Amino acid sequence: MADLSMASERRGDVVVIYPRGFINAHTVRQFEQELERAMESGRNRIVINGSGLSYIASAGLGAIMGHIEDVRSQGGDIRLTDLNETVLNILNVLGFNHICRVFDSEQEAVTSYSEAASND
């Protein structure tokens, strides 16, 4: 069975989540719990840094979809960054890149929230 470890950090009013390993049917609950912790702490601006993510199965994408409407209804979003080619291809094939904004770097993703706020 594939492993997953999770970490997170606050960057101002943004929480950055760092999954490391594989998000699949066996590990998705751990990933969901990290998303829920961010939301429960009042953080609705979430960045998922995929630099340590080897693979994401449909269960992981479903977890993001299950939470994205909630954070968007509170004026936030879930944004993705630092994805490897495998994960990026999965997102593109499934059209997920039309649902979530994908950035090349964590800094760009975090900064995009303040840019959006200044355009409002």
N, C-alpha and C. Protein backbone atom coordinates (compact mmCIF):
# COMPACT_ATOMS: atom_id res chain seq x y z
N MET A 1 0.84 -1.18 0.00
CA MET A 1 0.00 0.00 0.00
C MET A 1 0.88 1.24 0.00
N ALA A 2 0.48 2.24 -0.79
CA ALA A 2 1.26 3.47 -0.91
C ALA A 2 1.06 4.33 0.33
N ASP A 3 2.05 5.12 0.62
CA ASP A 3 2.07 5.96 1.81
C ASP A 3 1.75 7.41 1.47
N LEU A 4 1.26 8.13 2.47
CA LEU A 4 1.01 9.55 2.34
C LEU A 4 1.35 10.20 3.67
N SER A 5 2.09 11.29 3.60
CA SER A 5 2.30 12.12 4.79
C SER A 5 1.83 13.52 4.44
N MET A 6 1.42 14.24 5.47
CA MET A 6 0.84 15.56 5.27
C MET A 6 1.51 16.58 6.18
N ALA A 7 1.64 17.78 5.69
CA ALA A 7 2.10 18.91 6.49
C ALA A 7 1.37 20.14 5.97
N SER A 8 1.33 21.18 6.77
CA SER A 8 0.74 22.43 6.31
C SER A 8 1.41 23.60 7.01
N GLU A 9 1.33 24.76 6.37
CA GLU A 9 1.90 26.00 6.91
C GLU A 9 0.97 27.14 6.57
N ARG A 10 0.94 28.13 7.43
CA ARG A 10 0.18 29.34 7.14
C ARG A 10 1.09 30.35 6.46
N ARG A 11 0.55 30.99 5.46
CA ARG A 11 1.23 32.09 4.76
C ARG A 11 0.24 33.26 4.77
N GLY A 12 0.24 34.02 5.84
CA GLY A 12 -0.75 35.08 6.00
C GLY A 12 -2.12 34.45 6.16
N ASP A 13 -3.05 34.83 5.28
CA ASP A 13 -4.40 34.26 5.37
C ASP A 13 -4.58 33.05 4.44
N VAL A 14 -3.48 32.51 3.97
CA VAL A 14 -3.49 31.33 3.10
C VAL A 14 -2.87 30.16 3.86
N VAL A 15 -3.47 28.99 3.72
CA VAL A 15 -2.85 27.79 4.27
C VAL A 15 -2.33 26.97 3.09
N VAL A 16 -1.08 26.53 3.20
CA VAL A 16 -0.45 25.72 2.16
C VAL A 16 -0.35 24.30 2.70
N ILE A 17 -0.91 23.36 1.95
CA ILE A 17 -0.90 21.96 2.33
C ILE A 17 0.14 21.23 1.47
N TYR A 18 0.93 20.40 2.13
CA TYR A 18 2.01 19.66 1.47
C TYR A 18 1.77 18.16 1.58
N PRO A 19 1.06 17.57 0.62
CA PRO A 19 0.96 16.10 0.62
C PRO A 19 2.25 15.50 0.06
N ARG A 20 2.69 14.40 0.64
CA ARG A 20 3.91 13.73 0.16
C ARG A 20 3.59 12.26 -0.02
N GLY A 21 3.72 11.79 -1.26
CA GLY A 21 3.45 10.38 -1.55
C GLY A 21 2.31 10.23 -2.53
N PHE A 22 1.39 9.33 -2.21
CA PHE A 22 0.30 8.97 -3.10
C PHE A 22 -1.04 9.27 -2.45
N ILE A 23 -1.92 9.95 -3.18
CA ILE A 23 -3.30 10.11 -2.71
C ILE A 23 -4.14 9.15 -3.53
N ASN A 24 -4.66 8.14 -2.85
CA ASN A 24 -5.49 7.12 -3.51
C ASN A 24 -6.60 6.71 -2.54
N ALA A 25 -7.32 5.66 -2.87
CA ALA A 25 -8.44 5.23 -2.04
C ALA A 25 -8.01 4.87 -0.62
N HIS A 26 -6.76 4.44 -0.45
CA HIS A 26 -6.27 4.04 0.86
C HIS A 26 -5.82 5.22 1.72
N THR A 27 -5.46 6.32 1.08
CA THR A 27 -4.89 7.45 1.81
C THR A 27 -5.75 8.71 1.75
N VAL A 28 -6.82 8.67 0.99
CA VAL A 28 -7.60 9.89 0.74
C VAL A 28 -8.18 10.48 2.02
N ARG A 29 -8.54 9.66 2.99
CA ARG A 29 -9.14 10.20 4.22
C ARG A 29 -8.15 11.10 4.95
N GLN A 30 -6.89 10.74 4.94
CA GLN A 30 -5.86 11.58 5.57
C GLN A 30 -5.78 12.94 4.87
N PHE A 31 -5.86 12.93 3.54
CA PHE A 31 -5.85 14.16 2.75
C PHE A 31 -7.09 15.00 3.06
N GLU A 32 -8.24 14.37 3.11
CA GLU A 32 -9.48 15.08 3.42
C GLU A 32 -9.42 15.72 4.81
N GLN A 33 -8.86 15.03 5.76
CA GLN A 33 -8.75 15.57 7.12
C GLN A 33 -7.90 16.83 7.14
N GLU A 34 -6.86 16.87 6.33
CA GLU A 34 -6.01 18.07 6.27
C GLU A 34 -6.78 19.24 5.65
N LEU A 35 -7.56 18.98 4.62
CA LEU A 35 -8.41 20.02 4.03
C LEU A 35 -9.42 20.51 5.06
N GLU A 36 -10.03 19.59 5.77
CA GLU A 36 -11.02 19.95 6.78
C GLU A 36 -10.41 20.77 7.91
N ARG A 37 -9.20 20.42 8.33
CA ARG A 37 -8.51 21.19 9.38
C ARG A 37 -8.29 22.63 8.92
N ALA A 38 -7.89 22.80 7.68
CA ALA A 38 -7.68 24.15 7.16
C ALA A 38 -8.99 24.94 7.19
N MET A 39 -10.06 24.31 6.76
CA MET A 39 -11.35 25.00 6.73
C MET A 39 -11.87 25.29 8.14
N GLU A 40 -11.69 24.35 9.06
CA GLU A 40 -12.15 24.55 10.43
C GLU A 40 -11.40 25.66 11.14
N SER A 41 -10.17 25.91 10.71
CA SER A 41 -9.39 26.99 11.30
C SER A 41 -9.76 28.35 10.72
N GLY A 42 -10.79 28.35 9.85
CA GLY A 42 -11.23 29.60 9.24
C GLY A 42 -10.47 29.96 7.99
N ARG A 43 -9.65 29.06 7.51
CA ARG A 43 -8.87 29.32 6.30
C ARG A 43 -9.65 28.80 5.09
N ASN A 44 -10.06 29.70 4.23
CA ASN A 44 -10.76 29.28 3.03
C ASN A 44 -9.95 29.59 1.77
N ARG A 45 -8.73 30.02 1.98
CA ARG A 45 -7.78 30.21 0.88
C ARG A 45 -6.72 29.14 1.04
N ILE A 46 -6.79 28.13 0.18
CA ILE A 46 -5.95 26.95 0.33
C ILE A 46 -5.10 26.76 -0.92
N VAL A 47 -3.84 26.46 -0.72
CA VAL A 47 -2.92 26.08 -1.79
C VAL A 47 -2.44 24.67 -1.50
N ILE A 48 -2.54 23.80 -2.48
CA ILE A 48 -2.00 22.46 -2.35
C ILE A 48 -0.70 22.42 -3.14
N ASN A 49 0.42 22.31 -2.42
CA ASN A 49 1.73 22.24 -3.06
C ASN A 49 2.04 20.77 -3.34
N GLY A 50 2.04 20.41 -4.62
CA GLY A 50 2.23 19.03 -5.02
C GLY A 50 3.66 18.62 -5.29
N SER A 51 4.63 19.38 -4.80
CA SER A 51 6.03 19.05 -5.10
C SER A 51 6.42 17.68 -4.56
N GLY A 52 5.77 17.21 -3.51
CA GLY A 52 6.07 15.90 -2.95
C GLY A 52 5.04 14.84 -3.32
N LEU A 53 4.12 15.22 -4.19
CA LEU A 53 3.04 14.31 -4.57
C LEU A 53 3.47 13.47 -5.76
N SER A 54 3.49 12.16 -5.58
CA SER A 54 3.89 11.26 -6.66
C SER A 54 2.73 10.94 -7.59
N TYR A 55 1.52 10.85 -7.00
CA TYR A 55 0.37 10.43 -7.79
C TYR A 55 -0.90 10.84 -7.07
N ILE A 56 -1.93 11.19 -7.83
CA ILE A 56 -3.25 11.46 -7.26
C ILE A 56 -4.28 10.68 -8.06
N ALA A 57 -5.03 9.85 -7.38
CA ALA A 57 -6.08 9.05 -8.02
C ALA A 57 -7.38 9.84 -7.98
N SER A 58 -8.41 9.28 -8.59
CA SER A 58 -9.71 9.94 -8.64
C SER A 58 -10.25 10.23 -7.25
N ALA A 59 -9.90 9.41 -6.27
CA ALA A 59 -10.35 9.66 -4.90
C ALA A 59 -9.81 11.00 -4.39
N GLY A 60 -8.57 11.32 -4.71
CA GLY A 60 -7.98 12.59 -4.29
C GLY A 60 -8.63 13.77 -4.98
N LEU A 61 -8.91 13.62 -6.27
CA LEU A 61 -9.59 14.69 -7.00
C LEU A 61 -11.00 14.87 -6.47
N GLY A 62 -11.63 13.77 -6.11
CA GLY A 62 -12.96 13.84 -5.52
C GLY A 62 -12.95 14.58 -4.19
N ALA A 63 -11.90 14.39 -3.41
CA ALA A 63 -11.77 15.09 -2.13
C ALA A 63 -11.67 16.60 -2.36
N ILE A 64 -10.91 17.00 -3.36
CA ILE A 64 -10.80 18.43 -3.67
C ILE A 64 -12.16 18.95 -4.11
N MET A 65 -12.82 18.22 -5.00
CA MET A 65 -14.14 18.63 -5.49
C MET A 65 -15.15 18.71 -4.35
N GLY A 66 -15.04 17.80 -3.40
CA GLY A 66 -15.96 17.79 -2.28
C GLY A 66 -15.81 18.99 -1.36
N HIS A 67 -14.67 19.65 -1.40
CA HIS A 67 -14.42 20.79 -0.52
C HIS A 67 -14.39 22.14 -1.25
N ILE A 68 -14.19 22.11 -2.55
CA ILE A 68 -13.98 23.37 -3.27
C ILE A 68 -15.23 24.26 -3.26
N GLU A 69 -16.40 23.65 -3.36
CA GLU A 69 -17.62 24.46 -3.33
C GLU A 69 -17.79 25.15 -1.98
N ASP A 70 -17.45 24.43 -0.90
CA ASP A 70 -17.55 25.02 0.44
C ASP A 70 -16.63 26.22 0.59
N VAL A 71 -15.37 26.09 0.18
CA VAL A 71 -14.45 27.22 0.34
C VAL A 71 -14.81 28.36 -0.60
N ARG A 72 -15.30 28.05 -1.79
CA ARG A 72 -15.70 29.12 -2.71
C ARG A 72 -16.93 29.86 -2.20
N SER A 73 -17.84 29.16 -1.55
CA SER A 73 -19.03 29.82 -1.00
C SER A 73 -18.65 30.78 0.12
N GLN A 74 -17.46 30.62 0.69
CA GLN A 74 -16.96 31.49 1.75
C GLN A 74 -15.95 32.51 1.21
N GLY A 75 -15.90 32.65 -0.11
CA GLY A 75 -15.00 33.63 -0.73
C GLY A 75 -13.58 33.15 -0.93
N GLY A 76 -13.34 31.86 -0.75
CA GLY A 76 -11.99 31.32 -0.92
C GLY A 76 -11.87 30.46 -2.16
N ASP A 77 -10.83 29.63 -2.17
CA ASP A 77 -10.59 28.76 -3.31
C ASP A 77 -9.54 27.73 -2.90
N ILE A 78 -9.40 26.72 -3.74
CA ILE A 78 -8.31 25.74 -3.61
C ILE A 78 -7.50 25.85 -4.88
N ARG A 79 -6.22 26.14 -4.73
CA ARG A 79 -5.32 26.29 -5.87
C ARG A 79 -4.19 25.28 -5.76
N LEU A 80 -3.66 24.88 -6.89
CA LEU A 80 -2.64 23.83 -6.95
C LEU A 80 -1.34 24.41 -7.48
N THR A 81 -0.23 23.84 -7.03
CA THR A 81 1.07 24.31 -7.49
C THR A 81 2.11 23.20 -7.43
N ASP A 82 3.19 23.40 -8.17
CA ASP A 82 4.36 22.51 -8.13
C ASP A 82 4.01 21.06 -8.41
N LEU A 83 3.19 20.84 -9.44
CA LEU A 83 2.77 19.48 -9.79
C LEU A 83 3.76 18.84 -10.74
N ASN A 84 4.05 17.55 -10.52
CA ASN A 84 4.93 16.86 -11.45
C ASN A 84 4.16 16.54 -12.73
N GLU A 85 4.86 16.09 -13.74
CA GLU A 85 4.25 15.86 -15.05
C GLU A 85 3.13 14.83 -14.99
N THR A 86 3.31 13.78 -14.21
CA THR A 86 2.29 12.74 -14.09
C THR A 86 1.00 13.30 -13.53
N VAL A 87 1.09 14.02 -12.42
CA VAL A 87 -0.09 14.59 -11.78
C VAL A 87 -0.74 15.64 -12.68
N LEU A 88 0.07 16.47 -13.30
CA LEU A 88 -0.45 17.50 -14.19
C LEU A 88 -1.19 16.87 -15.38
N ASN A 89 -0.64 15.80 -15.93
CA ASN A 89 -1.31 15.12 -17.04
C ASN A 89 -2.66 14.55 -16.61
N ILE A 90 -2.71 13.97 -15.42
CA ILE A 90 -3.98 13.44 -14.90
C ILE A 90 -5.02 14.57 -14.81
N LEU A 91 -4.61 15.70 -14.26
CA LEU A 91 -5.53 16.83 -14.14
C LEU A 91 -6.01 17.31 -15.50
N ASN A 92 -5.09 17.41 -16.44
CA ASN A 92 -5.45 17.90 -17.77
C ASN A 92 -6.37 16.93 -18.50
N VAL A 93 -6.09 15.65 -18.44
CA VAL A 93 -6.91 14.64 -19.12
C VAL A 93 -8.33 14.66 -18.57
N LEU A 94 -8.46 14.82 -17.27
CA LEU A 94 -9.79 14.81 -16.64
C LEU A 94 -10.47 16.18 -16.66
N GLY A 95 -9.80 17.19 -17.20
CA GLY A 95 -10.38 18.53 -17.28
C GLY A 95 -10.36 19.27 -15.96
N PHE A 96 -9.62 18.78 -15.01
CA PHE A 96 -9.57 19.38 -13.69
C PHE A 96 -8.88 20.74 -13.72
N ASN A 97 -8.05 20.96 -14.71
CA ASN A 97 -7.36 22.24 -14.86
C ASN A 97 -8.36 23.37 -15.17
N HIS A 98 -9.60 23.03 -15.55
CA HIS A 98 -10.63 24.03 -15.77
C HIS A 98 -11.39 24.34 -14.48
N ILE A 99 -11.21 23.51 -13.48
CA ILE A 99 -11.92 23.67 -12.20
C ILE A 99 -11.02 24.37 -11.18
N CYS A 100 -9.75 23.99 -11.16
CA CYS A 100 -8.78 24.57 -10.21
C CYS A 100 -7.70 25.31 -10.97
N ARG A 101 -7.29 26.44 -10.42
CA ARG A 101 -6.15 27.15 -11.01
C ARG A 101 -4.87 26.44 -10.60
N VAL A 102 -3.98 26.29 -11.57
CA VAL A 102 -2.71 25.60 -11.36
C VAL A 102 -1.58 26.61 -11.60
N PHE A 103 -0.65 26.67 -10.66
CA PHE A 103 0.47 27.60 -10.74
C PHE A 103 1.79 26.85 -10.78
N ASP A 104 2.82 27.53 -11.32
CA ASP A 104 4.14 26.92 -11.41
C ASP A 104 4.87 26.92 -10.07
N SER A 105 4.57 27.91 -9.22
CA SER A 105 5.29 28.00 -7.95
C SER A 105 4.32 28.31 -6.81
N GLU A 106 4.73 27.92 -5.62
CA GLU A 106 3.93 28.20 -4.43
C GLU A 106 3.75 29.70 -4.24
N GLN A 107 4.80 30.46 -4.45
CA GLN A 107 4.71 31.91 -4.27
C GLN A 107 3.67 32.52 -5.20
N GLU A 108 3.64 32.07 -6.46
CA GLU A 108 2.63 32.58 -7.40
C GLU A 108 1.22 32.26 -6.91
N ALA A 109 1.03 31.04 -6.43
CA ALA A 109 -0.30 30.61 -5.98
C ALA A 109 -0.74 31.42 -4.76
N VAL A 110 0.15 31.61 -3.80
CA VAL A 110 -0.18 32.37 -2.60
C VAL A 110 -0.46 33.82 -2.97
N THR A 111 0.38 34.41 -3.80
CA THR A 111 0.23 35.80 -4.21
C THR A 111 -1.04 36.02 -5.01
N SER A 112 -1.49 35.01 -5.73
CA SER A 112 -2.69 35.17 -6.56
C SER A 112 -3.91 35.53 -5.73
N TYR A 113 -3.94 35.12 -4.47
CA TYR A 113 -5.07 35.48 -3.61
C TYR A 113 -5.08 36.98 -3.32
N SER A 114 -3.93 37.56 -3.04
CA SER A 114 -3.90 38.99 -2.75
C SER A 114 -4.14 39.81 -4.02
N GLU A 115 -3.70 39.29 -5.15
CA GLU A 115 -3.96 39.99 -6.42
C GLU A 115 -5.45 39.99 -6.72
N ALA A 116 -6.12 38.87 -6.47
CA ALA A 116 -7.57 38.77 -6.71
C ALA A 116 -8.31 39.75 -5.79
N ALA A 117 -7.87 39.86 -4.54
CA ALA A 117 -8.53 40.75 -3.60
C ALA A 117 -8.37 42.20 -4.00
N SER A 118 -7.21 42.56 -4.54
CA SER A 118 -6.98 43.94 -4.94
C SER A 118 -7.74 44.31 -6.21
N ASN A 119 -8.16 43.30 -6.98
CA ASN A 119 -8.94 43.55 -8.19
C ASN A 119 -10.44 43.65 -7.91
N ASP A 120 -10.84 43.32 -6.70
CA ASP A 120 -12.28 43.37 -6.35
C ASP A 120 -12.73 44.78 -6.06
